[in-house]
Amino acid sequence: MNAHDENTLARARVATRLPAQDLDRARRSYAERLGLEPVDERPGGLLHRCAGADFVLFRSTGASSGTFTQMAFEVDDIEGVVAELERRGVVFEDVDVPGLRTTDGIADIEGNYPSKGARAERGAWFRDSEGNLLGVGEPVV
């Protein structure tokens, strides 16, 4: 590794930013429905941490289109997580497009990234209180 490699993004931590038109509503929803409390806050922003990765909900007058997965959580037991989130009031998306269909809120997805050591993935999607599309995935080995 040469000296310039230390300044590349490959060594950087990644943090997601999600817009919230109503930050108080988002705070309540993430706490009540997802069981996530901010670890820090500043005016207009709430910092959350999950297993060492950060994401921020920030006050915004704009909104995401919600047409793609903006952030996903990788879990070990997708059925258990989906059941718990549904118990907390989360509504999972029904997906039925060529090559991807959910059954009981969960889709089987063929293929995965070879470097992750999985042959497939199972996934589920839901919207937060601000319309952001979030996913839950479990690699299948």
C-alpha atoms as a PDB file:
ATOM      1  CA  MET A   1       0.000   0.000   0.000  1.00  0.00           C
ATOM      2  CA  ASN A   2       1.405   3.392  -0.896  1.00  0.00           C
ATOM      3  CA  ALA A   3       0.849   6.662   0.978  1.00  0.00           C
ATOM      4  CA  HIS A   4      -1.956   7.719  -1.358  1.00  0.00           C
ATOM      5  CA  ASP A   5      -4.052   4.620  -0.503  1.00  0.00           C
ATOM      6  CA  GLU A   6      -4.624   5.997   2.986  1.00  0.00           C
ATOM      7  CA  ASN A   7      -6.570   8.892   1.493  1.00  0.00           C
ATOM      8  CA  THR A   8      -9.023   6.818  -0.535  1.00  0.00           C
ATOM      9  CA  LEU A   9     -12.637   6.135   0.320  1.00  0.00           C
ATOM     10  CA  ALA A  10     -11.886   2.405   0.622  1.00  0.00           C
ATOM     11  CA  ARG A  11     -10.700   3.062   4.197  1.00  0.00           C
ATOM     12  CA  ALA A  12     -13.624   5.335   5.108  1.00  0.00           C
ATOM     13  CA  ARG A  13     -16.594   4.381   7.263  1.00  0.00           C
ATOM     14  CA  VAL A  14     -19.943   4.679   5.483  1.00  0.00           C
ATOM     15  CA  ALA A  15     -22.882   6.518   7.037  1.00  0.00           C
ATOM     16  CA  THR A  16     -26.371   6.786   5.553  1.00  0.00           C
ATOM     17  CA  ARG A  17     -28.473   9.975   5.581  1.00  0.00           C
ATOM     18  CA  LEU A  18     -32.274   9.721   5.457  1.00  0.00           C
ATOM     19  CA  PRO A  19     -34.543  12.760   5.036  1.00  0.00           C
ATOM     20  CA  ALA A  20     -37.359  13.432   7.498  1.00  0.00           C
ATOM     21  CA  GLN A  21     -39.949  16.118   6.943  1.00  0.00           C
ATOM     22  CA  ASP A  22     -41.077  15.742  10.574  1.00  0.00           C
ATOM     23  CA  LEU A  23     -38.118  14.845  12.777  1.00  0.00           C
ATOM     24  CA  ASP A  24     -40.218  14.413  15.934  1.00  0.00           C
ATOM     25  CA  ARG A  25     -42.538  11.978  14.141  1.00  0.00           C
ATOM     26  CA  ALA A  26     -39.516  10.095  12.777  1.00  0.00           C
ATOM     27  CA  ARG A  27     -37.927   9.902  16.249  1.00  0.00           C
ATOM     28  CA  ARG A  28     -41.114   8.402  17.732  1.00  0.00           C
ATOM     29  CA  SER A  29     -41.585   5.987  14.849  1.00  0.00           C
ATOM     30  CA  TYR A  30     -37.999   4.692  14.896  1.00  0.00           C
ATOM     31  CA  ALA A  31     -38.189   4.218  18.676  1.00  0.00           C
ATOM     32  CA  GLU A  32     -41.648   2.620  18.836  1.00  0.00           C
ATOM     33  CA  ARG A  33     -41.656   0.589  15.634  1.00  0.00           C
ATOM     34  CA  LEU A  34     -37.988  -0.235  15.089  1.00  0.00           C
ATOM     35  CA  GLY A  35     -36.705  -0.130  18.663  1.00  0.00           C
ATOM     36  CA  LEU A  36     -33.991   2.376  17.691  1.00  0.00           C
ATOM     37  CA  GLU A  37     -33.119   5.393  19.833  1.00  0.00           C
ATOM     38  CA  PRO A  38     -30.670   8.075  18.707  1.00  0.00           C
ATOM     39  CA  VAL A  39     -27.204   7.877  20.276  1.00  0.00           C
ATOM     40  CA  ASP A  40     -26.652  11.594  19.663  1.00  0.00           C
ATOM     41  CA  GLU A  41     -28.488  14.577  18.256  1.00  0.00           C
ATOM     42  CA  ARG A  42     -28.011  18.093  17.056  1.00  0.00           C
ATOM     43  CA  PRO A  43     -30.491  20.671  15.796  1.00  0.00           C
ATOM     44  CA  GLY A  44     -32.105  19.098  12.748  1.00  0.00           C
ATOM     45  CA  GLY A  45     -30.456  15.684  13.037  1.00  0.00           C
ATOM     46  CA  LEU A  46     -30.632  12.388  14.928  1.00  0.00           C
ATOM     47  CA  LEU A  47     -27.658   9.998  14.873  1.00  0.00           C
ATOM     48  CA  HIS A  48     -28.395   6.269  15.193  1.00  0.00           C
ATOM     49  CA  ARG A  49     -25.874   3.443  15.464  1.00  0.00           C
ATOM     50  CA  CYS A  50     -26.454  -0.227  14.583  1.00  0.00           C
ATOM     51  CA  ALA A  51     -23.582  -2.691  15.061  1.00  0.00           C
ATOM     52  CA  GLY A  52     -20.980  -0.006  14.399  1.00  0.00           C
ATOM     53  CA  ALA A  53     -22.637   1.556  11.325  1.00  0.00           C
ATOM     54  CA  ASP A  54     -24.218   4.995  11.584  1.00  0.00           C
ATOM     55  CA  PHE A  55     -27.265   6.519   9.991  1.00  0.00           C
ATOM     56  CA  VAL A  56     -28.739   9.959  10.440  1.00  0.00           C
ATOM     57  CA  LEU A  57     -32.301  11.157  10.154  1.00  0.00           C
ATOM     58  CA  PHE A  58     -32.142  14.812   9.138  1.00  0.00           C
ATOM     59  CA  ARG A  59     -34.820  17.472   8.911  1.00  0.00           C
ATOM     60  CA  SER A  60     -35.514  18.177   5.253  1.00  0.00           C
ATOM     61  CA  THR A  61     -38.163  20.006   3.284  1.00  0.00           C
ATOM     62  CA  GLY A  62     -37.599  17.494   0.503  1.00  0.00           C
ATOM     63  CA  ALA A  63     -38.597  13.864   0.475  1.00  0.00           C
ATOM     64  CA  SER A  64     -37.125  10.741  -1.022  1.00  0.00           C
ATOM     65  CA  SER A  65     -38.924   9.203  -3.978  1.00  0.00           C
ATOM     66  CA  GLY A  66     -39.134   5.952  -2.015  1.00  0.00           C
ATOM     67  CA  THR A  67     -38.735   3.998  -5.269  1.00  0.00           C
ATOM     68  CA  PHE A  68     -35.579   2.169  -4.193  1.00  0.00           C
ATOM     69  CA  THR A  69     -34.091   0.712  -1.028  1.00  0.00           C
ATOM     70  CA  GLN A  70     -32.322   3.562   0.732  1.00  0.00           C
ATOM     71  CA  MET A  71     -30.933   1.570   3.643  1.00  0.00           C
ATOM     72  CA  ALA A  72     -31.015  -2.092   4.628  1.00  0.00           C
ATOM     73  CA  PHE A  73     -30.414  -4.033   7.806  1.00  0.00           C
ATOM     74  CA  GLU A  74     -28.652  -7.416   7.511  1.00  0.00           C
ATOM     75  CA  VAL A  75     -30.038  -9.862  10.075  1.00  0.00           C
ATOM     76  CA  ASP A  76     -29.549 -13.505  11.064  1.00  0.00           C
ATOM     77  CA  ASP A  77     -33.273 -14.396  11.435  1.00  0.00           C
ATOM     78  CA  ILE A  78     -35.460 -12.563   8.952  1.00  0.00           C
ATOM     79  CA  GLU A  79     -38.669 -14.352  10.004  1.00  0.00           C
ATOM     80  CA  GLY A  80     -38.115 -13.374  13.635  1.00  0.00           C
ATOM     81  CA  VAL A  81     -37.277  -9.759  12.776  1.00  0.00           C
ATOM     82  CA  VAL A  82     -40.240  -9.393  10.407  1.00  0.00           C
ATOM     83  CA  ALA A  83     -42.598 -10.887  13.010  1.00  0.00           C
ATOM     84  CA  GLU A  84     -41.303  -8.538  15.740  1.00  0.00           C
ATOM     85  CA  LEU A  85     -41.511  -5.467  13.520  1.00  0.00           C
ATOM     86  CA  GLU A  86     -45.047  -6.395  12.428  1.00  0.00           C
ATOM     87  CA  ARG A  87     -45.983  -6.758  16.100  1.00  0.00           C
ATOM     88  CA  ARG A  88     -44.689  -3.201  16.568  1.00  0.00           C
ATOM     89  CA  GLY A  89     -46.873  -1.913  13.712  1.00  0.00           C
ATOM     90  CA  VAL A  90     -44.507  -2.050  10.731  1.00  0.00           C
ATOM     91  CA  VAL A  91     -46.268  -2.887   7.452  1.00  0.00           C
ATOM     92  CA  PHE A  92     -44.160  -4.771   4.921  1.00  0.00           C
ATOM     93  CA  GLU A  93     -44.446  -4.128   1.185  1.00  0.00           C
ATOM     94  CA  ASP A  94     -45.977  -6.690  -1.151  1.00  0.00           C
ATOM     95  CA  VAL A  95     -43.680  -7.076  -4.148  1.00  0.00           C
ATOM     96  CA  ASP A  96     -44.657  -8.911  -7.327  1.00  0.00           C
ATOM     97  CA  VAL A  97     -42.395  -8.051 -10.242  1.00  0.00           C
ATOM     98  CA  PRO A  98     -40.561 -10.354 -12.683  1.00  0.00           C
ATOM     99  CA  GLY A  99     -37.937 -12.231 -10.687  1.00  0.00           C
ATOM    100  CA  LEU A 100     -39.034 -10.955  -7.277  1.00  0.00           C
ATOM    101  CA  ARG A 101     -42.157 -11.815  -5.303  1.00  0.00           C
ATOM    102  CA  THR A 102     -42.841 -11.669  -1.587  1.00  0.00           C
ATOM    103  CA  THR A 103     -44.717 -14.350   0.338  1.00  0.00           C
ATOM    104  CA  ASP A 104     -45.784 -13.332   3.838  1.00  0.00           C
ATOM    105  CA  GLY A 105     -43.702 -10.181   3.339  1.00  0.00           C
ATOM    106  CA  ILE A 106     -40.438 -11.988   2.517  1.00  0.00           C
ATOM    107  CA  ALA A 107     -38.850 -12.592  -0.893  1.00  0.00           C
ATOM    108  CA  ASP A 108     -36.291 -15.208  -1.902  1.00  0.00           C
ATOM    109  CA  ILE A 109     -33.582 -13.531  -3.974  1.00  0.00           C
ATOM    110  CA  GLU A 110     -31.354 -15.736  -6.104  1.00  0.00           C
ATOM    111  CA  GLY A 111     -27.666 -15.019  -6.135  1.00  0.00           C
ATOM    112  CA  ASN A 112     -25.648 -12.854  -3.809  1.00  0.00           C
ATOM    113  CA  TYR A 113     -22.245 -11.254  -3.732  1.00  0.00           C
ATOM    114  CA  PRO A 114     -19.691 -14.104  -3.841  1.00  0.00           C
ATOM    115  CA  SER A 115     -17.358 -12.340  -1.399  1.00  0.00           C
ATOM    116  CA  LYS A 116     -20.064 -12.531   1.278  1.00  0.00           C
ATOM    117  CA  GLY A 117     -20.014 -16.340   1.147  1.00  0.00           C
ATOM    118  CA  ALA A 118     -23.756 -16.644   0.579  1.00  0.00           C
ATOM    119  CA  ARG A 119     -25.534 -18.229  -2.361  1.00  0.00           C
ATOM    120  CA  ALA A 120     -28.776 -16.246  -2.037  1.00  0.00           C
ATOM    121  CA  GLU A 121     -30.602 -13.774   0.164  1.00  0.00           C
ATOM    122  CA  ARG A 122     -34.051 -13.352   1.671  1.00  0.00           C
ATOM    123  CA  GLY A 123     -35.428  -9.826   1.825  1.00  0.00           C
ATOM    124  CA  ALA A 124     -38.336  -7.723   3.050  1.00  0.00           C
ATOM    125  CA  TRP A 125     -39.116  -4.021   2.622  1.00  0.00           C
ATOM    126  CA  PHE A 126     -41.073  -1.395   4.533  1.00  0.00           C
ATOM    127  CA  ARG A 127     -41.460   2.366   4.625  1.00  0.00           C
ATOM    128  CA  ASP A 128     -40.585   4.498   7.594  1.00  0.00           C
ATOM    129  CA  SER A 129     -42.838   7.338   8.791  1.00  0.00           C
ATOM    130  CA  GLU A 130     -41.181   9.667   6.258  1.00  0.00           C
ATOM    131  CA  GLY A 131     -41.678   7.471   3.188  1.00  0.00           C
ATOM    132  CA  ASN A 132     -38.090   6.175   3.036  1.00  0.00           C
ATOM    133  CA  LEU A 133     -37.932   2.593   1.732  1.00  0.00           C
ATOM    134  CA  LEU A 134     -35.933   0.390   4.115  1.00  0.00           C
ATOM    135  CA  GLY A 135     -34.994  -3.256   3.740  1.00  0.00           C
ATOM    136  CA  VAL A 136     -34.218  -6.238   5.908  1.00  0.00           C
ATOM    137  CA  GLY A 137     -32.056  -8.990   4.449  1.00  0.00           C
ATOM    138  CA  GLU A 138     -30.684 -12.352   5.508  1.00  0.00           C
ATOM    139  CA  PRO A 139     -27.910 -14.054   3.527  1.00  0.00           C
ATOM    140  CA  VAL A 140     -28.575 -17.710   2.732  1.00  0.00           C
ATOM    141  CA  VAL A 141     -25.480 -19.915   2.913  1.00  0.00           C
END
